[in-house]
Amino acid sequence: MRDPVNKAAVIHIPHASATIPASERASLTISDEALRLELLRMTDWYTDELVDLGEEVASTLVFPISRLVVDPERFADDSVEPMARKGMGAVYTRTSDGRPLRSSLDAAERQRLVEQYYFPHHERLAALVTEALSNSGQCLLIDAHSFPSSPLPCDLDQTPLRPDICIGTDSFHTPAWLGDAALSAFRARGWRVALDRPYAGSIVPMRYHRQDARVASVMVEMNRSLYMDEATGERLPEFPEIGTKVQSALKTLIEAFWRRARASS
């Protein structure tokens, strides 16, 4: 019989898609070339490939459209979303360098976008977490991202020297041992790893957010310079090796979580 804890991990990949639905392109007022460059900067290229562990190891959810249409990683309520003041809440109105992305965004259009794209995605994420809890009584949610090697103008952390891997934590949903295990797993593969720098936090569905400690969450961000040419978007020759190392580190982290889950069951 399959160990039920084997279904305790969920991998969330919110920013890997560069797809702009044709029906949404007209609302983005930047030129095609400006859009190409913005997608190059803002897409977490190839993260879906780098963290592909297979369904036997973890359930995976990829947001199917670009964050330039809707960003599922932001809070839906702009009043509690720090990036909203930069025009980059759940629905962006500004580009990464502060230029207008949309000519306007009224309340009705914003509501349409979050209802069409944001909330259904979060319902799917919550369903996967609920399934993991049903299977094992606990869930490890891994929030997978990548980041540019140099800060973007919109980034809150402008420190120029960036690590190879960033581990993001949540004060409620990331127990200290889990953050330490993530740091150790990636450092063991020879990478420079930082905690909550240059990005902090990790996603949890709102129905569980700050309410259910059975849901553990950790963010894993990979420096794009490790695996791609940031000027062209092309994979580097080292891409397969980097993917193997990332997947190995994630499996080590998930195994550490399984051991804790078994010990507490």
Protein backbone atom coordinates (compact mmCIF):
# COMPACT_ATOMS: atom_id res chain seq x y z
CA MET A 1 0.00 0.00 0.00
CA ARG A 2 1.29 3.48 -0.86
CA ASP A 3 2.37 5.53 2.14
CA PRO A 4 -0.32 8.24 2.50
CA VAL A 5 2.37 10.77 3.39
CA ASN A 6 3.58 10.47 -0.22
CA LYS A 7 0.66 12.70 -1.16
CA ALA A 8 1.49 15.34 1.44
CA ALA A 9 3.47 17.67 -0.87
CA VAL A 10 2.08 20.30 -3.24
CA ILE A 11 4.25 22.38 -5.58
CA HIS A 12 2.83 25.73 -6.63
CA ILE A 13 4.29 27.43 -9.73
CA PRO A 14 2.64 30.84 -10.19
CA HIS A 15 4.86 32.74 -12.63
CA ALA A 16 6.24 30.29 -15.21
CA SER A 17 3.77 31.11 -17.99
CA ALA A 18 4.31 33.84 -20.60
CA THR A 19 0.87 33.33 -22.13
CA ILE A 20 -1.23 36.44 -22.72
CA PRO A 21 -4.74 35.41 -23.84
CA ALA A 22 -5.68 37.20 -27.07
CA SER A 23 -8.77 38.55 -25.33
CA GLU A 24 -6.57 40.31 -22.76
CA ARG A 25 -3.82 41.69 -25.02
CA ALA A 26 -5.74 44.83 -26.00
CA SER A 27 -5.97 45.95 -22.38
CA LEU A 28 -2.16 46.07 -22.15
CA THR A 29 -1.19 49.34 -23.81
CA ILE A 30 2.55 48.74 -24.21
CA SER A 31 3.99 47.82 -27.61
CA ASP A 32 4.70 44.27 -28.67
CA GLU A 33 8.44 44.81 -28.20
CA ALA A 34 7.97 46.36 -24.76
CA LEU A 35 5.72 43.44 -23.84
CA ARG A 36 8.35 40.96 -25.01
CA LEU A 37 10.97 42.61 -22.80
CA GLU A 38 8.61 42.80 -19.83
CA LEU A 39 7.79 39.11 -20.17
CA LEU A 40 11.51 38.36 -20.34
CA ARG A 41 12.05 40.24 -17.06
CA MET A 42 8.97 39.13 -15.17
CA THR A 43 8.42 35.49 -16.14
CA ASP A 44 9.88 32.78 -13.89
CA TRP A 45 11.24 30.98 -16.92
CA TYR A 46 11.36 27.19 -16.88
CA THR A 47 10.56 26.82 -13.18
CA ASP A 48 7.89 24.26 -14.10
CA GLU A 49 10.64 22.14 -15.68
CA LEU A 50 13.24 22.69 -12.97
CA VAL A 51 10.94 21.55 -10.15
CA ASP A 52 9.20 18.71 -12.01
CA LEU A 53 9.24 15.84 -9.51
CA GLY A 54 6.42 13.79 -10.99
CA GLU A 55 2.99 13.18 -9.51
CA GLU A 56 4.25 10.24 -7.46
CA VAL A 57 6.31 12.67 -5.38
CA ALA A 58 4.16 15.80 -5.29
CA SER A 59 0.99 17.31 -6.72
CA THR A 60 1.77 20.30 -8.94
CA LEU A 61 -0.24 23.38 -9.87
CA VAL A 62 0.97 25.79 -12.58
CA PHE A 63 -0.82 29.10 -13.17
CA PRO A 64 -1.55 28.93 -16.92
CA ILE A 65 -1.27 32.61 -17.89
CA SER A 66 1.23 35.40 -17.40
CA ARG A 67 1.36 37.35 -14.17
CA LEU A 68 1.03 40.49 -16.34
CA VAL A 69 -2.65 39.60 -16.73
CA VAL A 70 -3.26 38.49 -13.13
CA ASP A 71 -0.73 37.64 -10.44
CA PRO A 72 -2.02 34.80 -8.23
CA GLU A 73 0.83 35.28 -5.78
CA ARG A 74 -0.45 38.64 -4.57
CA PHE A 75 -3.19 39.16 -2.02
CA ALA A 76 -6.51 39.78 -3.76
CA ASP A 77 -7.11 42.80 -1.50
CA ASP A 78 -4.80 45.64 -2.57
CA SER A 79 -5.07 47.23 0.86
CA VAL A 80 -2.99 44.40 2.37
CA GLU A 81 -0.70 43.81 -0.63
CA PRO A 82 2.64 45.69 -0.28
CA MET A 83 3.33 45.64 -4.04
CA ALA A 84 0.00 47.29 -4.84
CA ARG A 85 1.51 50.70 -4.10
CA LYS A 86 3.87 50.07 -7.02
CA GLY A 87 0.96 49.24 -9.30
CA MET A 88 1.70 45.53 -9.01
CA GLY A 89 -1.08 44.07 -6.91
CA ALA A 90 -3.16 41.13 -8.08
CA VAL A 91 -3.79 43.03 -11.32
CA TYR A 92 -0.82 45.05 -12.52
CA THR A 93 -1.20 48.62 -13.75
CA ARG A 94 2.55 49.30 -13.98
CA THR A 95 5.52 47.54 -15.50
CA SER A 96 8.61 46.48 -13.56
CA ASP A 97 10.21 49.87 -14.22
CA GLY A 98 7.10 51.86 -13.31
CA ARG A 99 5.70 52.61 -16.77
CA PRO A 100 1.94 52.31 -17.37
CA LEU A 101 0.92 48.77 -18.35
CA ARG A 102 -2.77 49.54 -18.75
CA SER A 103 -4.39 52.80 -19.77
CA SER A 104 -6.97 52.35 -17.02
CA LEU A 105 -8.35 49.74 -14.66
CA ASP A 106 -11.77 50.34 -13.20
CA ALA A 107 -13.28 48.31 -10.37
CA ALA A 108 -15.52 46.28 -12.67
CA GLU A 109 -12.65 45.22 -14.95
CA ARG A 110 -10.45 44.33 -12.01
CA GLN A 111 -13.24 42.23 -10.52
CA ARG A 112 -13.74 40.43 -13.83
CA LEU A 113 -10.05 39.55 -14.01
CA VAL A 114 -9.76 38.21 -10.47
CA GLU A 115 -13.00 36.25 -10.82
CA GLN A 116 -11.96 34.76 -14.16
CA TYR A 117 -8.34 33.89 -13.35
CA TYR A 118 -7.33 34.52 -9.73
CA PHE A 119 -10.04 32.93 -7.63
CA PRO A 120 -10.40 29.71 -9.70
CA HIS A 121 -6.64 29.16 -9.41
CA HIS A 122 -6.74 29.64 -5.66
CA GLU A 123 -9.67 27.26 -5.40
CA ARG A 124 -7.59 24.63 -7.21
CA LEU A 125 -4.65 25.26 -4.90
CA ALA A 126 -6.84 25.01 -1.82
CA ALA A 127 -8.32 21.75 -3.15
CA LEU A 128 -4.84 20.22 -3.54
CA VAL A 129 -3.91 21.27 -0.01
CA THR A 130 -7.18 19.87 1.32
CA GLU A 131 -6.50 16.59 -0.49
CA ALA A 132 -3.02 16.40 1.03
CA LEU A 133 -4.45 16.99 4.50
CA SER A 134 -7.04 14.30 3.89
CA ASN A 135 -4.35 11.84 2.77
CA SER A 136 -1.82 12.44 5.52
CA GLY A 137 -3.10 14.95 8.06
CA GLN A 138 -0.36 17.39 7.03
CA CYS A 139 0.70 19.25 3.89
CA LEU A 140 3.98 20.70 2.66
CA LEU A 141 3.38 23.49 0.15
CA ILE A 142 6.45 24.46 -1.91
CA ASP A 143 6.12 27.81 -3.67
CA ALA A 144 8.49 27.70 -6.67
CA HIS A 145 9.93 30.81 -8.32
CA SER A 146 12.97 32.22 -10.06
CA PHE A 147 14.49 35.69 -9.92
CA PRO A 148 16.80 37.89 -12.01
CA SER A 149 20.45 38.11 -10.99
CA SER A 150 20.17 41.91 -10.65
CA PRO A 151 17.31 43.71 -8.87
CA LEU A 152 14.44 45.03 -10.95
CA PRO A 153 13.37 48.64 -10.31
CA CYS A 154 10.18 47.34 -8.65
CA ASP A 155 12.01 45.08 -6.20
CA LEU A 156 11.84 46.06 -2.54
CA ASP A 157 15.33 44.61 -1.94
CA GLN A 158 17.85 46.46 -4.12
CA THR A 159 20.95 44.73 -2.70
CA PRO A 160 23.08 44.03 -5.80
CA LEU A 161 24.74 40.79 -4.65
CA ARG A 162 22.09 38.09 -4.84
CA PRO A 163 22.29 34.46 -3.71
CA ASP A 164 21.93 31.42 -5.95
CA ILE A 165 18.86 30.26 -4.05
CA CYS A 166 16.43 32.19 -1.86
CA ILE A 167 14.33 30.39 0.73
CA GLY A 168 11.20 32.30 1.72
CA THR A 169 9.36 31.67 4.96
CA ASP A 170 6.13 32.52 6.72
CA SER A 171 6.19 33.15 10.48
CA PHE A 172 3.15 30.91 11.02
CA HIS A 173 3.47 28.25 8.32
CA THR A 174 7.25 27.72 8.17
CA PRO A 175 8.52 26.09 11.35
CA ALA A 176 12.19 26.78 12.09
CA TRP A 177 13.20 23.19 11.33
CA LEU A 178 11.66 23.44 7.85
CA GLY A 179 13.52 26.62 6.98
CA ASP A 180 16.75 25.05 8.23
CA ALA A 181 16.09 21.87 6.23
CA ALA A 182 15.55 23.91 3.05
CA LEU A 183 18.76 25.87 3.59
CA SER A 184 20.71 22.68 4.22
CA ALA A 185 19.25 20.84 1.21
CA PHE A 186 20.33 23.52 -1.26
CA ARG A 187 23.64 24.35 0.41
CA ALA A 188 24.55 20.67 0.21
CA ARG A 189 24.39 21.02 -3.60
CA GLY A 190 27.05 23.74 -3.50
CA TRP A 191 24.88 26.84 -3.80
CA ARG A 192 24.91 30.15 -1.93
CA VAL A 193 21.57 30.20 -0.14
CA ALA A 194 19.87 33.03 1.74
CA LEU A 195 16.79 33.10 3.97
CA ASP A 196 14.08 35.62 3.00
CA ARG A 197 16.46 37.54 0.73
CA PRO A 198 15.91 39.03 -1.78
CA TYR A 199 12.30 37.86 -1.41
CA ALA A 200 10.35 36.78 1.65
CA GLY A 201 7.17 34.89 2.42
CA SER A 202 5.45 31.79 1.04
CA ILE A 203 1.93 31.23 -0.21
CA VAL A 204 -0.86 29.49 1.74
CA PRO A 205 -4.51 29.30 0.61
CA MET A 206 -6.61 31.85 2.47
CA ARG A 207 -8.86 29.20 4.04
CA TYR A 208 -5.78 27.92 5.90
CA HIS A 209 -3.70 31.11 6.11
CA ARG A 210 -2.57 31.81 9.69
CA GLN A 211 -5.24 29.37 10.90
CA ASP A 212 -4.04 25.81 10.35
CA ALA A 213 -0.49 24.85 11.33
CA ARG A 214 -0.91 21.47 9.62
CA VAL A 215 -0.16 23.36 6.41
CA ALA A 216 3.57 24.04 6.18
CA SER A 217 4.86 26.30 3.43
CA VAL A 218 8.27 27.27 2.09
CA MET A 219 9.24 29.32 -0.95
CA VAL A 220 12.13 28.25 -3.18
CA GLU A 221 13.50 30.90 -5.57
CA MET A 222 16.25 30.12 -8.09
CA ASN A 223 18.63 32.71 -9.55
CA ARG A 224 18.04 32.70 -13.32
CA SER A 225 21.72 33.19 -14.07
CA LEU A 226 22.26 29.60 -12.91
CA TYR A 227 20.33 28.12 -15.81
CA MET A 228 19.47 30.68 -18.52
CA ASP A 229 20.79 33.58 -20.55
CA GLU A 230 18.83 36.43 -19.02
CA ALA A 231 19.27 38.62 -22.11
CA THR A 232 17.77 36.11 -24.53
CA GLY A 233 15.73 33.73 -22.37
CA GLU A 234 17.59 30.72 -23.76
CA ARG A 235 18.52 27.79 -21.54
CA LEU A 236 22.21 27.47 -20.70
CA PRO A 237 24.05 24.20 -21.43
CA GLU A 238 24.05 23.61 -17.66
CA PHE A 239 20.25 23.56 -17.56
CA PRO A 240 19.82 19.76 -17.22
CA GLU A 241 22.39 19.58 -14.43
CA ILE A 242 20.75 22.46 -12.56
CA GLY A 243 17.37 20.78 -12.88
CA THR A 244 18.73 17.54 -11.49
CA LYS A 245 20.26 19.35 -8.51
CA VAL A 246 17.10 21.36 -7.80
CA GLN A 247 14.94 18.24 -7.94
CA SER A 248 17.35 16.36 -5.68
CA ALA A 249 17.25 19.17 -3.11
CA LEU A 250 13.45 19.29 -3.20
CA LYS A 251 13.20 15.54 -2.74
CA THR A 252 15.52 15.80 0.27
CA LEU A 253 13.29 18.52 1.71
CA ILE A 254 10.11 16.53 1.10
CA GLU A 255 11.68 13.43 2.67
CA ALA A 256 12.53 15.47 5.77
CA PHE A 257 8.90 16.56 5.92
CA TRP A 258 7.71 12.94 5.53
CA ARG A 259 9.89 11.86 8.44
CA ARG A 260 8.35 14.55 10.64
CA ALA A 261 4.85 13.65 9.46
CA ARG A 262 5.37 9.94 10.18
CA ALA A 263 6.82 10.69 13.62
CA SER A 264 3.79 12.77 14.54
CA SER A 265 1.15 10.42 13.11
